[in-house]
């Protein structure tokens, strides 16, 4: 399983999509839980690969500890 940070936009989202195309499960991390759930659901539904997500702000100590 691979962890992808900033998974709701930009390079993080593109990387998550590529992993899913390769049938590699991923843990998606970003600050916005609603966006994360939407991305996770879409990737899982399109490719049938398990994704999990963690809403956390990795610029804070609490965010890092949550991951």
N, C-alpha and C. Protein backbone atom coordinates (compact mmCIF):
# COMPACT_ATOMS: atom_id res chain seq x y z
N UNK A 1 0.85 -1.17 0.00
CA UNK A 1 0.00 0.00 0.00
C UNK A 1 0.90 1.23 0.00
N UNK A 2 0.50 2.24 -0.77
CA UNK A 2 1.27 3.47 -0.93
C UNK A 2 0.49 4.63 -0.31
N UNK A 3 1.21 5.55 0.34
CA UNK A 3 0.57 6.74 0.87
C UNK A 3 0.81 7.90 -0.09
N UNK A 4 -0.27 8.61 -0.42
CA UNK A 4 -0.19 9.76 -1.31
C UNK A 4 -0.68 10.98 -0.55
N UNK A 5 0.18 12.00 -0.45
CA UNK A 5 -0.22 13.23 0.23
C UNK A 5 -0.72 14.25 -0.79
N UNK A 6 -1.49 15.21 -0.33
CA UNK A 6 -2.14 16.21 -1.16
C UNK A 6 -2.88 15.51 -2.30
N UNK A 7 -3.66 14.51 -1.91
CA UNK A 7 -4.28 13.60 -2.88
C UNK A 7 -5.54 14.14 -3.55
N UNK A 8 -5.94 15.36 -3.22
CA UNK A 8 -7.18 15.88 -3.80
C UNK A 8 -6.95 16.83 -4.97
N UNK A 9 -5.68 17.12 -5.29
CA UNK A 9 -5.41 18.02 -6.41
C UNK A 9 -3.99 17.85 -6.91
N UNK A 10 -3.72 18.43 -8.06
CA UNK A 10 -2.37 18.51 -8.60
C UNK A 10 -1.66 17.19 -8.77
N UNK A 11 -0.38 17.21 -8.48
CA UNK A 11 0.46 16.03 -8.66
C UNK A 11 0.01 14.88 -7.77
N UNK A 12 -0.43 15.18 -6.56
CA UNK A 12 -0.89 14.12 -5.66
C UNK A 12 -2.07 13.36 -6.23
N UNK A 13 -3.03 14.09 -6.78
CA UNK A 13 -4.20 13.46 -7.40
C UNK A 13 -3.78 12.66 -8.63
N UNK A 14 -2.92 13.21 -9.45
CA UNK A 14 -2.45 12.51 -10.65
C UNK A 14 -1.72 11.23 -10.26
N UNK A 15 -0.92 11.28 -9.23
CA UNK A 15 -0.19 10.10 -8.75
C UNK A 15 -1.17 9.04 -8.24
N UNK A 16 -2.16 9.47 -7.47
CA UNK A 16 -3.16 8.53 -6.95
C UNK A 16 -3.90 7.84 -8.10
N UNK A 17 -4.26 8.60 -9.13
CA UNK A 17 -4.96 8.03 -10.29
C UNK A 17 -4.07 7.00 -11.00
N UNK A 18 -2.80 7.30 -11.12
CA UNK A 18 -1.88 6.37 -11.79
C UNK A 18 -1.72 5.08 -10.99
N UNK A 19 -1.64 5.20 -9.68
CA UNK A 19 -1.55 4.00 -8.83
C UNK A 19 -2.79 3.13 -9.00
N UNK A 20 -3.94 3.77 -9.04
CA UNK A 20 -5.18 3.02 -9.18
C UNK A 20 -5.24 2.30 -10.52
N UNK A 21 -4.77 2.94 -11.58
CA UNK A 21 -4.74 2.29 -12.91
C UNK A 21 -3.86 1.05 -12.88
N UNK A 22 -2.86 1.06 -12.00
CA UNK A 22 -1.95 -0.07 -11.88
C UNK A 22 -2.42 -1.07 -10.81
N UNK A 23 -3.64 -0.87 -10.32
CA UNK A 23 -4.23 -1.74 -9.30
C UNK A 23 -3.43 -1.81 -8.01
N UNK A 24 -2.85 -0.68 -7.62
CA UNK A 24 -2.10 -0.61 -6.37
C UNK A 24 -2.93 0.14 -5.34
N UNK A 25 -3.21 -0.49 -4.21
CA UNK A 25 -3.99 0.18 -3.17
C UNK A 25 -3.23 1.37 -2.60
N UNK A 26 -3.98 2.36 -2.12
CA UNK A 26 -3.34 3.58 -1.63
C UNK A 26 -4.08 4.15 -0.43
N UNK A 27 -3.32 4.82 0.41
CA UNK A 27 -3.86 5.65 1.48
C UNK A 27 -3.71 7.09 1.03
N UNK A 28 -4.82 7.79 0.93
CA UNK A 28 -4.82 9.17 0.46
C UNK A 28 -4.87 10.11 1.65
N UNK A 29 -4.04 11.14 1.64
CA UNK A 29 -3.98 12.09 2.74
C UNK A 29 -4.11 13.51 2.19
N UNK A 30 -4.98 14.29 2.80
CA UNK A 30 -5.14 15.71 2.49
C UNK A 30 -5.93 16.33 3.64
N UNK A 31 -6.11 17.64 3.58
CA UNK A 31 -6.79 18.33 4.68
C UNK A 31 -8.31 18.22 4.63
N UNK A 32 -8.89 18.18 3.46
CA UNK A 32 -10.34 18.26 3.31
C UNK A 32 -10.96 16.86 3.24
N UNK A 33 -11.65 16.46 4.30
CA UNK A 33 -12.22 15.12 4.38
C UNK A 33 -13.26 14.85 3.29
N UNK A 34 -14.09 15.84 2.98
CA UNK A 34 -15.13 15.65 1.97
C UNK A 34 -14.52 15.41 0.58
N UNK A 35 -13.51 16.19 0.23
CA UNK A 35 -12.83 16.00 -1.05
C UNK A 35 -12.11 14.65 -1.09
N UNK A 36 -11.48 14.29 0.02
CA UNK A 36 -10.79 13.00 0.09
C UNK A 36 -11.76 11.84 -0.13
N UNK A 37 -12.89 11.89 0.52
CA UNK A 37 -13.89 10.82 0.36
C UNK A 37 -14.34 10.73 -1.09
N UNK A 38 -14.58 11.87 -1.71
CA UNK A 38 -15.02 11.88 -3.11
C UNK A 38 -13.96 11.29 -4.03
N UNK A 39 -12.70 11.67 -3.83
CA UNK A 39 -11.62 11.13 -4.65
C UNK A 39 -11.47 9.63 -4.41
N UNK A 40 -11.48 9.23 -3.15
CA UNK A 40 -11.34 7.81 -2.81
C UNK A 40 -12.47 6.99 -3.43
N UNK A 41 -13.69 7.45 -3.28
CA UNK A 41 -14.84 6.73 -3.85
C UNK A 41 -14.73 6.63 -5.37
N UNK A 42 -14.36 7.71 -6.01
CA UNK A 42 -14.27 7.71 -7.48
C UNK A 42 -13.20 6.73 -7.96
N UNK A 43 -12.03 6.77 -7.34
CA UNK A 43 -10.95 5.88 -7.76
C UNK A 43 -11.31 4.42 -7.50
N UNK A 44 -11.92 4.15 -6.37
CA UNK A 44 -12.32 2.78 -6.06
C UNK A 44 -13.38 2.30 -7.03
N UNK A 45 -14.36 3.13 -7.32
CA UNK A 45 -15.44 2.72 -8.23
C UNK A 45 -14.94 2.53 -9.66
N UNK A 46 -13.99 3.35 -10.11
CA UNK A 46 -13.48 3.25 -11.48
C UNK A 46 -12.59 2.04 -11.69
N UNK A 47 -11.80 1.69 -10.68
CA UNK A 47 -10.79 0.66 -10.87
C UNK A 47 -10.91 -0.52 -9.91
N UNK A 48 -11.80 -0.43 -8.94
CA UNK A 48 -12.03 -1.54 -8.02
C UNK A 48 -10.89 -1.81 -7.06
N UNK A 49 -9.99 -0.85 -6.89
CA UNK A 49 -8.86 -1.03 -5.99
C UNK A 49 -9.16 -0.34 -4.67
N UNK A 50 -8.77 -0.98 -3.59
CA UNK A 50 -9.02 -0.44 -2.26
C UNK A 50 -8.24 0.85 -2.04
N UNK A 51 -8.93 1.87 -1.60
CA UNK A 51 -8.28 3.09 -1.13
C UNK A 51 -8.82 3.42 0.25
N UNK A 52 -7.97 3.96 1.05
CA UNK A 52 -8.36 4.48 2.36
C UNK A 52 -7.93 5.94 2.36
N UNK A 53 -8.53 6.72 3.25
CA UNK A 53 -8.13 8.12 3.30
C UNK A 53 -8.07 8.61 4.74
N UNK A 54 -7.18 9.58 4.94
CA UNK A 54 -6.99 10.20 6.25
C UNK A 54 -6.97 11.71 6.04
N UNK A 55 -7.90 12.40 6.68
CA UNK A 55 -7.91 13.86 6.61
C UNK A 55 -6.95 14.39 7.68
N UNK A 56 -5.89 15.05 7.24
CA UNK A 56 -4.89 15.57 8.16
C UNK A 56 -4.13 16.71 7.50
N UNK A 57 -3.81 17.71 8.28
CA UNK A 57 -2.97 18.82 7.82
C UNK A 57 -1.54 18.49 8.22
N UNK A 58 -0.74 18.07 7.25
CA UNK A 58 0.61 17.62 7.55
C UNK A 58 1.58 18.76 7.85
N UNK A 59 1.10 19.99 7.82
CA UNK A 59 1.95 21.12 8.21
C UNK A 59 1.90 21.36 9.72
N UNK A 60 1.08 20.56 10.42
CA UNK A 60 0.97 20.69 11.87
C UNK A 60 1.41 19.40 12.56
N UNK A 61 1.86 19.52 13.78
CA UNK A 61 2.27 18.35 14.55
C UNK A 61 1.08 17.40 14.77
N UNK A 62 -0.08 17.95 15.09
CA UNK A 62 -1.26 17.11 15.28
C UNK A 62 -1.62 16.35 14.01
N UNK A 63 -1.52 17.02 12.87
CA UNK A 63 -1.80 16.36 11.61
C UNK A 63 -0.87 15.20 11.35
N UNK A 64 0.41 15.42 11.59
CA UNK A 64 1.40 14.36 11.40
C UNK A 64 1.13 13.20 12.36
N UNK A 65 0.80 13.52 13.60
CA UNK A 65 0.51 12.47 14.57
C UNK A 65 -0.72 11.67 14.20
N UNK A 66 -1.69 12.29 13.53
CA UNK A 66 -2.89 11.56 13.11
C UNK A 66 -2.62 10.55 12.02
N UNK A 67 -1.58 10.79 11.25
CA UNK A 67 -1.24 9.87 10.17
C UNK A 67 -0.38 8.76 10.72
